[in-house]
Amino acid sequence: MSISFFDFAAMPTRRQCLLVSIFGLLPFAACETQDPRPGSSSGTTNSATTSSNTGSGGRIDFGNGGQGGSSDDTNHSGDGDGDSGNGDPGDGDSGNGDPGDGDSGDGDGDPGSGVTLRKCGKAPVSDQAFSKKALLESAGMCAAYQACLFSNATVELGRGVTKYVDDPSADNLELARATWRSTMQSWSAITPTRYGPVASTAADKYHGRGIGAFIHAWPALNRCEIEKQVVTRTYQEQGFQRILPGARGLSALEYLLFYSGNDTVCASNSSTAKLWAELSSDELQQAKLDYAQAVVGDIYLKSEEYMGVWDADGENFGQSLANHEGYGSQQEALNVVAGSLLYLYDAVRDLKVAPRAGIETAILNSETPYAQVDLQSIRANITAFRALFQGCGPDGAGLGFDDWLKAAGGDDLEQDLLQALDAIEDRAADLPPLHEASTDQMAAFYADLKVLSDLLKEQFFGSGSVLNLKLPASAASDTD
């Protein structure tokens, strides 16, 4: 079930505040970012890359990819020819590499015409001795690395979707779906980030721009708004500036690639439903293909906007973060960054797991209702937690908040948090797809997540915090 803006308005005030503070829903996010249209670039987008690769009608030339190349210690997550210089994701992912597990898989081959891939290298592992500045630097480097992987994933997504749009065969549909899954996996490693431009202004009032809401709008999904764009084609004249986040990004593309029905959920007396009924099956299919092409271009431009913020040749936000510029104090910057650790509590536990664990007050709202990769997304969320808490490298190698705890004499809490994290990770590894999991299985997973969230709320943050970290207001008001 998707949450429409009508449903959102009917929610209890506490859950409204939770969703707004976590995800930066409209109007907050819409006011904070210049929203690029296909074929143009915003102030933070890498215009050198974008402007030279847009075709007629705003269509971006993603190219076909090259023949691949060599890369050191490559460990791809796909089963087939998953090198991202290849353009063919094989049986698995598009070959951007498993974050924190070897090389990002860029390859050294000729990427072909059109948009080119970035060289992301290996996951950054800080070997510095702990200092607060070094911790901020580590968080920034890891976020920049994940942004780079996501940028490459969107290029592969563009290639896959373009190939399908140009030749909508069953094989090309599966290719497009595979690149979507890979991109969603990459995005799920970024979603918990609540500092910098991807975050809402509620999560990071200093630098938040709400970019993430335009890339994937969950939990504010809105299928009717997607269908409205399909049949009205207003995006062709107006671009994406006025399109709600729930009708664009990865969620819109998921619907267009994975939902095969020809029905509409819009009210029968609405203008969208009336236009829908006038289209033949072939006309409707072409309209969906056209919108898919536009949406993937918009996703790419948003990824470039995000990447441009972290790029050393762009805004170089990582340097600003290390120097806590704009945050007022170093402690405040660390407090904002640490807020990302709460994603496993208020998003994964309360929104993704609780509805399937038999908790009556929770609303079932699948993150990926058509592709049904909710579990894979949660696993990536868990990996993102470890990367920030322990370190960005393989198995948590590097500098993280655990090092701060040890330096501050919080060794017992550090071990308790890692033990709880291990239990969550093990549980997630053994679960079946969430839509197939039993209530008892999800209740056990919820209990594991609660152990971690209680440690975070009662000891890592709050009045008893050895690190003097403040609990965000949305979490402080929660008594469960």
Protein backbone atom coordinates (compact mmCIF):
# COMPACT_ATOMS: atom_id res chain seq x y z
CA MET A 1 0.00 0.00 0.00
CA SER A 2 1.36 3.42 -0.92
CA ILE A 3 1.02 6.53 1.22
CA SER A 4 -0.66 9.36 -0.63
CA PHE A 5 -0.58 12.93 0.64
CA PHE A 6 -4.20 12.46 1.77
CA ASP A 7 -3.15 9.43 3.84
CA PHE A 8 -0.24 11.42 5.24
CA ALA A 9 -2.57 14.20 6.38
CA ALA A 10 -4.70 11.66 8.22
CA MET A 11 -1.77 10.21 10.16
CA PRO A 12 -1.25 10.92 13.87
CA THR A 13 0.86 14.00 14.45
CA ARG A 14 3.78 12.00 15.84
CA ARG A 15 4.10 9.88 12.70
CA GLN A 16 3.77 12.98 10.47
CA CYS A 17 6.66 14.60 12.33
CA LEU A 18 8.67 11.39 12.11
CA LEU A 19 8.26 11.10 8.37
CA VAL A 20 9.00 14.77 7.78
CA SER A 21 12.09 14.75 9.98
CA ILE A 22 13.46 11.57 8.42
CA PHE A 23 12.71 11.98 4.78
CA GLY A 24 12.16 15.71 4.15
CA LEU A 25 8.75 15.37 2.54
CA LEU A 26 7.20 18.21 0.59
CA PRO A 27 7.02 21.12 0.93
CA PHE A 28 10.28 21.05 2.87
CA ALA A 29 12.43 19.21 0.33
CA ALA A 30 10.93 20.98 -2.66
CA CYS A 31 11.97 24.35 -1.32
CA GLU A 32 15.56 23.36 -0.69
CA THR A 33 16.94 22.21 -4.03
CA GLN A 34 17.03 23.61 -7.52
CA ASP A 35 15.34 20.85 -9.42
CA PRO A 36 17.04 20.20 -12.79
CA ARG A 37 15.02 19.29 -15.84
CA PRO A 38 16.10 16.70 -18.38
CA GLY A 39 18.54 18.32 -20.74
CA SER A 40 19.64 21.04 -18.33
CA SER A 41 21.72 21.31 -15.20
CA SER A 42 21.26 22.92 -11.83
CA GLY A 43 23.77 25.03 -9.98
CA THR A 44 25.35 22.00 -8.31
CA THR A 45 25.15 19.53 -11.16
CA ASN A 46 28.31 18.67 -13.04
CA SER A 47 27.29 20.59 -16.13
CA ALA A 48 30.42 19.61 -18.01
CA THR A 49 29.20 16.04 -17.93
CA THR A 50 25.51 16.71 -18.30
CA SER A 51 25.20 19.40 -20.92
CA SER A 52 27.35 17.59 -23.43
CA ASN A 53 25.35 14.39 -23.17
CA THR A 54 21.77 15.52 -23.60
CA GLY A 55 20.09 14.72 -26.87
CA SER A 56 17.10 16.27 -28.57
CA GLY A 57 14.03 16.57 -26.41
CA GLY A 58 16.12 16.39 -23.24
CA ARG A 59 17.07 12.73 -23.80
CA ILE A 60 20.45 11.93 -22.25
CA ASP A 61 22.88 9.90 -24.33
CA PHE A 62 24.07 7.27 -21.87
CA GLY A 63 26.00 5.35 -24.52
CA ASN A 64 26.26 1.59 -24.75
CA GLY A 65 29.30 1.00 -22.59
CA GLY A 66 32.66 -0.32 -23.64
CA GLN A 67 34.14 -3.80 -23.59
CA GLY A 68 35.22 -3.60 -20.00
CA GLY A 69 38.73 -3.50 -18.62
CA SER A 70 40.93 -4.63 -15.82
CA SER A 71 40.67 -3.46 -12.26
CA ASP A 72 42.56 -4.44 -9.14
CA ASP A 73 40.97 -6.73 -6.53
CA THR A 74 37.62 -6.49 -8.24
CA ASN A 75 34.79 -8.20 -6.38
CA HIS A 76 31.57 -7.63 -8.26
CA SER A 77 28.17 -8.38 -6.83
CA GLY A 78 26.75 -9.63 -10.13
CA ASP A 79 26.91 -13.18 -11.34
CA GLY A 80 27.66 -12.43 -14.97
CA ASP A 81 29.84 -9.94 -16.80
CA GLY A 82 29.24 -7.34 -14.15
CA ASP A 83 32.02 -4.89 -14.91
CA SER A 84 30.54 -1.42 -15.08
CA GLY A 85 32.62 -0.71 -18.19
CA ASN A 86 30.74 -3.50 -19.91
CA GLY A 87 27.19 -2.18 -20.02
CA ASP A 88 25.83 -5.70 -19.48
CA PRO A 89 25.00 -6.36 -15.83
CA GLY A 90 24.92 -10.10 -16.37
CA ASP A 91 22.71 -12.11 -14.07
CA GLY A 92 23.16 -9.84 -11.08
CA ASP A 93 24.00 -6.23 -10.45
CA SER A 94 25.39 -3.72 -12.89
CA GLY A 95 28.86 -4.28 -11.50
CA ASN A 96 29.38 -1.13 -9.49
CA GLY A 97 30.85 -3.35 -6.82
CA ASP A 98 29.80 -4.21 -3.32
CA PRO A 99 30.42 -1.12 -1.13
CA GLY A 100 33.29 -1.80 1.15
CA ASP A 101 34.17 -5.03 -0.60
CA GLY A 102 37.03 -4.64 -3.04
CA ASP A 103 37.20 -2.36 -6.03
CA SER A 104 34.16 -0.49 -7.28
CA GLY A 105 34.50 -2.27 -10.59
CA ASP A 106 34.90 0.71 -12.88
CA GLY A 107 37.09 -1.11 -15.41
CA ASP A 108 39.58 0.59 -17.65
CA GLY A 109 37.87 -0.07 -20.95
CA ASP A 110 36.40 2.44 -23.34
CA PRO A 111 33.00 3.34 -21.86
CA GLY A 112 31.56 4.09 -25.28
CA SER A 113 29.83 7.22 -26.44
CA GLY A 114 27.72 9.34 -24.14
CA VAL A 115 27.98 9.65 -20.37
CA THR A 116 31.15 8.13 -18.92
CA LEU A 117 31.68 6.32 -15.65
CA ARG A 118 33.60 7.69 -12.70
CA LYS A 119 36.64 6.09 -11.12
CA CYS A 120 35.50 5.37 -7.58
CA GLY A 121 38.38 3.17 -6.46
CA LYS A 122 38.16 1.13 -3.28
CA ALA A 123 36.12 1.95 -0.20
CA PRO A 124 38.12 4.53 1.78
CA VAL A 125 39.64 3.15 4.97
CA SER A 126 41.00 5.80 7.31
CA ASP A 127 44.08 4.66 9.22
CA GLN A 128 44.37 7.87 11.24
CA ALA A 129 44.39 7.81 15.00
CA PHE A 130 41.05 8.88 16.42
CA SER A 131 40.25 12.56 16.55
CA LYS A 132 36.91 14.24 16.07
CA LYS A 133 38.11 15.87 12.88
CA ALA A 134 39.39 12.53 11.56
CA LEU A 135 35.98 10.98 12.29
CA LEU A 136 34.22 13.71 10.31
CA GLU A 137 36.72 13.25 7.48
CA SER A 138 36.05 9.51 7.45
CA ALA A 139 32.28 10.02 7.32
CA GLY A 140 32.69 12.47 4.46
CA MET A 141 34.99 10.18 2.46
CA CYS A 142 32.60 7.26 2.86
CA ALA A 143 29.61 9.36 1.78
CA ALA A 144 31.53 10.61 -1.27
CA TYR A 145 32.48 7.04 -2.19
CA GLN A 146 28.86 5.89 -1.97
CA ALA A 147 27.79 8.88 -4.07
CA CYS A 148 30.32 7.87 -6.72
CA LEU A 149 29.03 4.29 -6.80
CA PHE A 150 25.48 5.57 -7.12
CA SER A 151 26.47 7.92 -9.93
CA ASN A 152 27.87 4.98 -11.89
CA ALA A 153 24.80 2.89 -11.09
CA THR A 154 22.55 5.56 -12.58
CA VAL A 155 24.61 5.56 -15.78
CA GLU A 156 24.14 1.80 -16.09
CA LEU A 157 20.47 2.30 -15.28
CA GLY A 158 20.22 4.86 -18.06
CA ARG A 159 21.82 2.47 -20.52
CA GLY A 160 19.54 -0.38 -19.51
CA VAL A 161 16.35 1.65 -19.62
CA THR A 162 17.27 3.33 -22.91
CA LYS A 163 17.91 -0.06 -24.51
CA TYR A 164 14.52 -1.27 -23.30
CA VAL A 165 12.70 1.88 -24.44
CA ASP A 166 14.24 1.62 -27.90
CA ASP A 167 13.50 -2.10 -28.14
CA PRO A 168 10.92 -3.22 -25.53
CA SER A 169 11.66 -6.93 -25.76
CA ALA A 170 11.40 -9.33 -22.82
CA ASP A 171 15.19 -9.63 -22.63
CA ASN A 172 15.66 -5.88 -22.58
CA LEU A 173 12.99 -5.53 -19.90
CA GLU A 174 14.92 -7.96 -17.71
CA LEU A 175 18.09 -5.97 -18.39
CA ALA A 176 16.38 -2.73 -17.34
CA ARG A 177 15.00 -4.41 -14.22
CA ALA A 178 18.44 -5.77 -13.29
CA THR A 179 20.02 -2.32 -13.54
CA TRP A 180 17.15 -0.89 -11.48
CA ARG A 181 17.75 -3.45 -8.73
CA SER A 182 21.45 -2.64 -8.73
CA THR A 183 20.76 1.09 -8.55
CA MET A 184 18.26 0.59 -5.74
CA GLN A 185 20.85 -1.45 -3.84
CA SER A 186 23.38 1.35 -4.25
CA TRP A 187 20.82 3.93 -3.17
CA SER A 188 19.94 1.91 -0.06
CA ALA A 189 23.52 2.35 1.12
CA ILE A 190 23.00 6.14 0.90
CA THR A 191 19.45 6.42 2.26
CA PRO A 192 20.46 6.36 5.96
CA THR A 193 22.69 9.42 5.43
CA ARG A 194 21.17 12.32 7.35
CA TYR A 195 23.90 14.87 6.90
CA GLY A 196 24.73 17.06 3.95
CA PRO A 197 22.75 17.68 0.79
CA VAL A 198 20.92 14.36 0.56
CA ALA A 199 19.30 14.95 3.95
CA SER A 200 16.17 16.91 4.74
CA THR A 201 16.45 20.30 6.38
CA ALA A 202 14.84 18.75 9.46
CA ALA A 203 17.67 16.21 9.75
CA ASP A 204 20.47 18.65 8.86
CA LYS A 205 19.24 22.20 9.29
CA TYR A 206 22.64 23.53 8.31
CA HIS A 207 23.32 21.87 4.96
CA GLY A 208 20.32 19.66 4.17
CA ARG A 209 18.77 20.16 0.72
CA GLY A 210 16.41 17.22 0.51
CA ILE A 211 17.96 15.83 -2.68
CA GLY A 212 17.20 12.29 -1.52
CA ALA A 213 13.44 12.84 -1.65
CA PHE A 214 13.67 13.38 -5.41
CA ILE A 215 15.69 10.21 -5.97
CA HIS A 216 13.49 7.88 -3.95
CA ALA A 217 10.42 9.26 -2.21
CA TRP A 218 9.56 6.35 0.10
CA PRO A 219 7.52 6.39 2.29
CA ALA A 220 5.59 9.04 0.31
CA LEU A 221 4.96 6.88 -2.77
CA ASN A 222 2.12 7.99 -5.05
CA ARG A 223 1.15 5.73 -7.93
CA CYS A 224 -1.70 7.96 -9.14
CA GLU A 225 0.70 10.87 -9.59
CA ILE A 226 2.96 8.63 -11.69
CA GLU A 227 0.01 7.63 -13.86
CA LYS A 228 -0.96 11.26 -14.18
CA GLN A 229 2.41 12.07 -15.71
CA VAL A 230 2.17 9.05 -18.03
CA VAL A 231 -1.05 10.20 -19.67
CA THR A 232 -0.80 14.01 -19.43
CA ARG A 233 2.88 14.21 -20.53
CA THR A 234 3.23 17.56 -18.80
CA TYR A 235 6.85 16.70 -18.05
CA GLN A 236 7.62 17.12 -21.76
CA GLU A 237 6.72 20.81 -21.63
CA GLN A 238 7.37 21.73 -18.02
CA GLY A 239 10.20 19.40 -17.09
CA PHE A 240 10.29 17.89 -13.61
CA GLN A 241 10.26 21.11 -11.61
CA ARG A 242 6.61 20.77 -10.57
CA ILE A 243 6.37 16.99 -10.38
CA LEU A 244 5.95 15.64 -6.86
CA PRO A 245 8.76 13.39 -5.56
CA GLY A 246 6.33 10.47 -5.31
CA ALA A 247 5.82 10.57 -9.07
CA ARG A 248 9.46 10.49 -10.08
CA GLY A 249 12.78 8.93 -9.18
CA LEU A 250 13.41 5.26 -8.50
CA SER A 251 9.89 4.63 -7.23
CA ALA A 252 8.32 5.90 -10.48
CA LEU A 253 10.76 3.86 -12.55
CA GLU A 254 10.03 0.79 -10.43
CA TYR A 255 6.34 1.05 -11.27
CA LEU A 256 7.07 1.58 -14.97
CA LEU A 257 9.42 -1.41 -15.18
CA PHE A 258 7.86 -3.92 -12.80
CA TYR A 259 4.10 -3.36 -12.89
CA SER A 260 2.56 -4.98 -15.95
CA GLY A 261 -1.08 -4.09 -15.43
CA ASN A 262 -2.98 -1.55 -17.52
CA ASP A 263 -5.28 -0.34 -14.74
CA THR A 264 -5.04 2.95 -12.88
CA VAL A 265 -5.54 3.65 -9.19
CA CYS A 266 -6.69 7.21 -9.84
CA ALA A 267 -10.33 7.95 -9.03
CA SER A 268 -12.66 7.00 -11.90
CA ASN A 269 -14.05 10.53 -12.13
CA SER A 270 -10.58 12.14 -12.26
CA SER A 271 -9.17 13.68 -15.42
CA THR A 272 -6.27 11.20 -15.29
CA ALA A 273 -8.59 8.18 -15.24
CA LYS A 274 -10.63 9.59 -18.13
CA LEU A 275 -7.51 10.17 -20.24
CA TRP A 276 -6.27 6.73 -19.27
CA ALA A 277 -9.45 5.10 -20.54
CA GLU A 278 -9.08 6.80 -23.93
CA LEU A 279 -5.70 5.18 -24.65
CA SER A 280 -5.29 1.80 -26.32
CA SER A 281 -2.95 -0.76 -24.78
CA ASP A 282 -0.26 0.10 -27.33
CA GLU A 283 -0.64 3.84 -26.72
CA LEU A 284 -0.49 3.31 -22.97
CA GLN A 285 2.65 1.17 -23.28
CA GLN A 286 4.35 3.83 -25.40
CA ALA A 287 3.38 6.53 -22.92
CA LYS A 288 4.95 4.48 -20.11
CA LEU A 289 8.11 3.96 -22.14
CA ASP A 290 8.37 7.67 -22.86
CA TYR A 291 8.00 8.53 -19.20
CA ALA A 292 10.54 5.87 -18.20
CA GLN A 293 13.09 7.51 -20.50
CA ALA A 294 12.41 10.92 -18.99
CA VAL A 295 12.49 9.62 -15.41
CA VAL A 296 15.84 7.87 -15.81
CA GLY A 297 17.31 11.09 -17.17
CA ASP A 298 16.00 12.97 -14.16
CA ILE A 299 17.46 10.37 -11.79
CA TYR A 300 20.83 10.73 -13.47
CA LEU A 301 20.78 14.52 -13.16
CA LYS A 302 19.84 14.26 -9.50
CA SER A 303 22.71 11.84 -8.91
CA GLU A 304 25.04 14.32 -10.61
CA GLU A 305 23.73 17.11 -8.41
CA TYR A 306 24.45 14.97 -5.37
CA MET A 307 27.86 13.88 -6.65
CA GLY A 308 28.76 17.48 -7.49
CA VAL A 309 28.41 18.43 -3.84
CA TRP A 310 30.95 15.82 -2.72
CA ASP A 311 33.28 16.09 -5.70
CA ALA A 312 36.63 17.70 -4.86
CA ASP A 313 36.28 19.68 -8.09
CA GLY A 314 32.76 20.71 -7.14
CA GLU A 315 31.58 21.96 -3.77
CA ASN A 316 33.94 19.62 -1.91
CA PHE A 317 31.50 19.22 0.95
CA GLY A 318 33.70 16.58 2.56
CA GLN A 319 36.25 19.26 3.37
CA SER A 320 33.53 21.53 4.73
CA LEU A 321 32.27 18.70 6.92
CA ALA A 322 35.74 17.93 8.28
CA ASN A 323 36.10 21.57 9.23
CA HIS A 324 32.49 21.65 10.58
CA GLU A 325 31.82 24.72 8.44
CA GLY A 326 28.35 26.09 8.98
CA TYR A 327 27.57 23.75 11.87
CA GLY A 328 28.53 26.19 14.58
CA SER A 329 30.73 23.72 16.43
CA GLN A 330 32.53 20.47 15.85
CA GLN A 331 30.28 18.75 18.40
CA GLU A 332 27.17 19.87 16.54
CA ALA A 333 28.53 18.52 13.25
CA LEU A 334 29.21 15.17 14.92
CA ASN A 335 25.73 15.18 16.42
CA VAL A 336 24.17 15.65 12.98
CA VAL A 337 26.32 12.91 11.43
CA ALA A 338 25.57 10.53 14.30
CA GLY A 339 21.86 11.00 13.63
CA SER A 340 22.27 8.72 10.61
CA LEU A 341 22.72 5.79 12.99
CA LEU A 342 19.08 6.14 14.02
CA TYR A 343 17.87 5.03 10.58
CA LEU A 344 17.87 1.39 11.72
CA TYR A 345 15.53 2.44 14.52
CA ASP A 346 12.96 4.85 13.16
CA ALA A 347 12.95 3.79 9.50
CA VAL A 348 13.94 0.12 9.39
CA ARG A 349 12.43 -1.00 12.71
CA ASP A 350 9.34 1.21 12.88
CA LEU A 351 8.42 1.62 9.21
CA LYS A 352 9.85 -1.39 7.36
CA VAL A 353 9.69 -4.20 9.92
CA ALA A 354 7.00 -3.30 12.46
CA PRO A 355 4.06 -3.54 10.02
CA ARG A 356 5.06 -7.12 9.20
CA ALA A 357 5.72 -8.01 12.84
CA GLY A 358 2.10 -7.75 13.88
CA ILE A 359 2.35 -4.32 15.47
CA GLU A 360 -1.12 -2.90 14.88
CA THR A 361 -0.17 0.78 14.99
CA ALA A 362 2.25 0.43 12.08
CA ILE A 363 1.14 1.05 8.47
CA LEU A 364 2.24 -1.48 5.87
CA ASN A 365 3.98 0.52 3.18
CA SER A 366 6.46 -1.56 1.19
CA GLU A 367 9.55 0.31 0.09
CA THR A 368 9.57 -1.55 -3.24
CA PRO A 369 5.99 -2.79 -3.79
CA TYR A 370 6.54 -4.04 -7.35
CA ALA A 371 10.18 -5.17 -7.43
CA GLN A 372 9.88 -6.59 -3.90
CA VAL A 373 13.50 -6.12 -2.88
CA ASP A 374 12.73 -4.66 0.55
CA LEU A 375 14.98 -7.17 2.30
CA GLN A 376 17.94 -6.41 0.04
CA SER A 377 17.45 -2.73 0.82
CA ILE A 378 17.41 -3.39 4.56
CA ARG A 379 20.62 -5.40 4.28
CA ALA A 380 22.25 -2.42 2.52
CA ASN A 381 20.90 -0.14 5.28
CA ILE A 382 22.59 -2.37 7.87
CA THR A 383 25.87 -2.24 5.94
CA ALA A 384 25.59 1.56 5.87
CA PHE A 385 25.20 1.60 9.67
CA ARG A 386 28.35 -0.46 10.08
CA ALA A 387 30.26 1.76 7.66
CA LEU A 388 29.48 4.83 9.76
CA PHE A 389 29.70 3.26 13.20
CA GLN A 390 32.73 1.05 12.63
CA GLY A 391 34.43 2.01 9.35
CA CYS A 392 33.80 2.24 5.62
CA GLY A 393 36.02 -0.67 4.55
CA PRO A 394 35.32 -4.41 4.38
CA ASP A 395 33.83 -5.75 7.63
CA GLY A 396 33.88 -2.29 9.16
CA ALA A 397 37.55 -1.54 8.64
CA GLY A 398 38.53 2.07 9.24
CA LEU A 399 37.55 4.89 11.55
CA GLY A 400 34.06 5.17 13.02
CA PHE A 401 32.04 6.18 16.05
CA ASP A 402 33.19 3.01 17.82
CA ASP A 403 36.67 4.54 17.96
CA TRP A 404 35.26 7.63 19.63
CA LEU A 405 33.48 5.45 22.19
CA LYS A 406 36.70 3.60 22.99
CA ALA A 407 38.62 6.88 23.29
CA ALA A 408 35.95 8.21 25.67
CA GLY A 409 35.93 5.12 27.88
CA GLY A 410 32.74 3.66 26.47
CA ASP A 411 34.21 0.26 25.62
CA ASP A 412 31.29 -1.70 27.09
CA LEU A 413 28.71 0.25 25.09
CA GLU A 414 30.82 -0.14 21.95
CA GLN A 415 30.85 -3.91 22.39
CA ASP A 416 27.12 -4.03 23.18
CA LEU A 417 26.31 -2.05 20.03
CA LEU A 418 28.50 -4.25 17.84
CA GLN A 419 26.97 -7.39 19.34
CA ALA A 420 23.46 -6.06 18.64
CA LEU A 421 24.49 -5.11 15.12
CA ASP A 422 25.90 -8.57 14.47
CA ALA A 423 22.63 -10.14 15.62
CA ILE A 424 20.63 -7.89 13.28
CA GLU A 425 22.93 -8.64 10.37
CA ASP A 426 22.72 -12.40 11.00
CA ARG A 427 18.94 -12.28 11.26
CA ALA A 428 18.61 -10.32 8.01
CA ALA A 429 20.91 -12.81 6.25
CA ASP A 430 18.58 -15.69 7.17
CA LEU A 431 15.25 -14.04 6.39
CA PRO A 432 13.23 -14.89 3.29
CA PRO A 433 11.94 -11.99 1.15
CA LEU A 434 9.84 -9.82 3.44
CA HIS A 435 6.59 -10.47 1.58
CA GLU A 436 7.14 -14.19 2.23
CA ALA A 437 8.32 -13.91 5.85
CA SER A 438 6.03 -15.00 8.69
CA THR A 439 4.83 -12.68 11.42
CA ASP A 440 6.96 -14.61 13.94
CA GLN A 441 10.08 -14.16 11.81
CA MET A 442 9.49 -10.43 11.53
CA ALA A 443 8.68 -10.14 15.25
CA ALA A 444 12.04 -11.72 16.06
CA PHE A 445 13.76 -9.31 13.67
CA TYR A 446 11.92 -6.41 15.31
CA ALA A 447 13.13 -7.58 18.73
CA ASP A 448 16.74 -7.62 17.50
CA LEU A 449 16.37 -4.11 16.12
CA LYS A 450 14.84 -2.94 19.39
CA VAL A 451 17.92 -4.05 21.32
CA LEU A 452 20.07 -1.80 19.13
CA SER A 453 17.63 1.10 19.14
CA ASP A 454 17.32 1.02 22.94
CA LEU A 455 21.11 1.17 23.28
CA LEU A 456 21.22 4.12 20.90
CA LYS A 457 18.39 6.03 22.58
CA GLU A 458 19.33 5.36 26.19
CA GLN A 459 23.14 5.32 26.17
CA PHE A 460 24.70 6.45 22.88
CA PHE A 461 22.52 9.58 22.71
CA GLY A 462 20.84 11.56 25.48
CA SER A 463 21.65 12.70 28.98
CA GLY A 464 23.72 9.61 29.72
CA SER A 465 25.80 9.79 26.54
CA VAL A 466 29.52 9.50 27.17
CA LEU A 467 29.93 11.33 23.84
CA ASN A 468 27.52 14.12 24.81
CA LEU A 469 25.36 13.42 21.74
CA LYS A 470 21.83 14.82 21.76
CA LEU A 471 18.89 12.68 20.71
CA PRO A 472 16.88 14.27 17.87
CA ALA A 473 13.49 15.56 18.97
CA SER A 474 11.60 13.02 16.84
CA ALA A 475 13.34 10.13 18.60
CA ALA A 476 13.30 11.73 22.06
CA SER A 477 9.48 11.93 21.98
CA ASP A 478 9.15 8.23 21.19
CA THR A 479 8.54 6.05 24.22
CA ASP A 480 8.59 2.59 22.61
